[in-house]
Amino acid sequence: MNFRHLLEKHKLPRAIFDDVKAYLEEGLLLAGGCIVDATIIHVPPSTKNKDDKRDAKISSTQKGNTWHIAMKAHISVDAKSGLIHPVR
């Protein structure tokens, strides 16, 4: 706390943050991103395939307080251009 109070006494926090912001804006600050949606695809309660083995893509997942046996699909969209990335 002593260090914090010393910074505040000399009004340095704003100057430090302004310097860091300027440094990041020179090329390190990311100005874009992508939007990711994880969708739950419901499947029948039996998770076994024809060989009577569990399918690796099917698992149990919790959404809120409810458990589901499902597959997950992750879809991402470029925030700036709106282009859809491959579905995983």
Protein backbone atom coordinates (compact mmCIF):
# COMPACT_ATOMS: atom_id res chain seq x y z
CA MET A 1 0.00 0.00 0.00
CA ASN A 2 2.89 2.36 0.65
CA PHE A 3 3.96 2.08 -2.99
CA ARG A 4 0.41 2.73 -4.20
CA HIS A 5 0.07 5.78 -1.96
CA LEU A 6 3.43 7.08 -3.18
CA LEU A 7 2.25 6.76 -6.81
CA GLU A 8 -1.01 8.54 -6.01
CA LYS A 9 0.78 11.29 -4.10
CA HIS A 10 2.85 12.14 -7.18
CA LYS A 11 -0.09 11.60 -9.57
CA LEU A 12 1.74 8.87 -11.50
CA PRO A 13 -0.94 6.20 -12.19
CA ARG A 14 -2.52 8.12 -15.10
CA ALA A 15 0.89 8.88 -16.62
CA ILE A 16 1.95 5.23 -16.34
CA PHE A 17 -1.28 3.98 -17.93
CA ASP A 18 -0.99 6.55 -20.74
CA ASP A 19 2.58 5.41 -21.47
CA VAL A 20 1.57 1.73 -21.50
CA LYS A 21 -1.42 2.48 -23.75
CA ALA A 22 0.78 4.40 -26.22
CA TYR A 23 3.31 1.55 -26.23
CA LEU A 24 0.59 -1.02 -26.96
CA GLU A 25 -0.97 1.10 -29.70
CA GLU A 26 2.37 1.12 -31.53
CA GLY A 27 1.77 -2.45 -32.61
CA LEU A 28 1.10 -4.78 -29.73
CA LEU A 29 -2.56 -3.99 -29.10
CA LEU A 30 -5.01 -6.33 -30.79
CA ALA A 31 -7.86 -4.36 -32.29
CA GLY A 32 -9.85 -7.29 -33.67
CA GLY A 33 -10.94 -10.75 -32.74
CA CYS A 34 -13.47 -13.44 -33.37
CA ILE A 35 -16.77 -14.42 -31.84
CA VAL A 36 -17.03 -18.07 -30.73
CA ASP A 37 -20.25 -19.97 -30.07
CA ALA A 38 -20.30 -23.43 -28.53
CA THR A 39 -23.49 -25.23 -29.52
CA ILE A 40 -24.76 -28.42 -27.88
CA ILE A 41 -26.12 -31.02 -30.31
CA HIS A 42 -28.34 -33.49 -28.45
CA VAL A 43 -27.89 -37.21 -29.13
CA PRO A 44 -29.80 -40.31 -27.98
CA PRO A 45 -28.99 -41.48 -24.43
CA SER A 46 -27.07 -44.50 -25.74
CA THR A 47 -23.57 -43.25 -26.53
CA LYS A 48 -22.29 -46.52 -27.98
CA ASN A 49 -21.61 -47.02 -31.69
CA LYS A 50 -22.03 -50.17 -33.83
CA ASP A 51 -18.94 -51.78 -32.26
CA ASP A 52 -20.52 -51.35 -28.80
CA LYS A 53 -17.85 -48.80 -27.85
CA ARG A 54 -18.29 -45.27 -26.63
CA ASP A 55 -18.05 -42.64 -29.35
CA ALA A 56 -15.20 -40.26 -28.48
CA LYS A 57 -17.09 -37.24 -29.85
CA ILE A 58 -20.06 -37.75 -27.54
CA SER A 59 -19.78 -36.76 -23.90
CA SER A 60 -21.84 -35.48 -21.03
CA THR A 61 -21.82 -31.74 -20.51
CA GLN A 62 -23.48 -29.42 -18.06
CA LYS A 63 -25.46 -26.35 -19.13
CA GLY A 64 -26.65 -24.46 -16.10
CA ASN A 65 -27.81 -27.09 -13.61
CA THR A 66 -28.86 -29.60 -16.29
CA TRP A 67 -26.67 -32.39 -17.65
CA HIS A 68 -26.91 -33.38 -21.32
CA ILE A 69 -25.48 -36.23 -23.38
CA ALA A 70 -24.39 -34.38 -26.46
CA MET A 71 -21.80 -33.41 -29.00
CA LYS A 72 -20.34 -29.90 -29.06
CA ALA A 73 -19.84 -27.76 -32.15
CA HIS A 74 -17.68 -24.65 -31.94
CA ILE A 75 -18.35 -22.00 -34.56
CA SER A 76 -16.26 -18.85 -34.84
CA VAL A 77 -16.87 -15.71 -36.86
CA ASP A 78 -14.38 -12.94 -37.60
CA ALA A 79 -15.66 -9.92 -35.69
CA LYS A 80 -14.63 -7.39 -38.32
CA SER A 81 -15.41 -9.08 -41.64
CA GLY A 82 -18.18 -11.46 -40.58
CA LEU A 83 -16.47 -14.42 -42.29
CA ILE A 84 -17.22 -17.80 -40.73
CA HIS A 85 -14.24 -19.94 -39.78
CA PRO A 86 -14.44 -23.74 -40.31
CA VAL A 87 -16.77 -25.46 -37.86
CA ARG A 88 -14.92 -27.64 -35.33
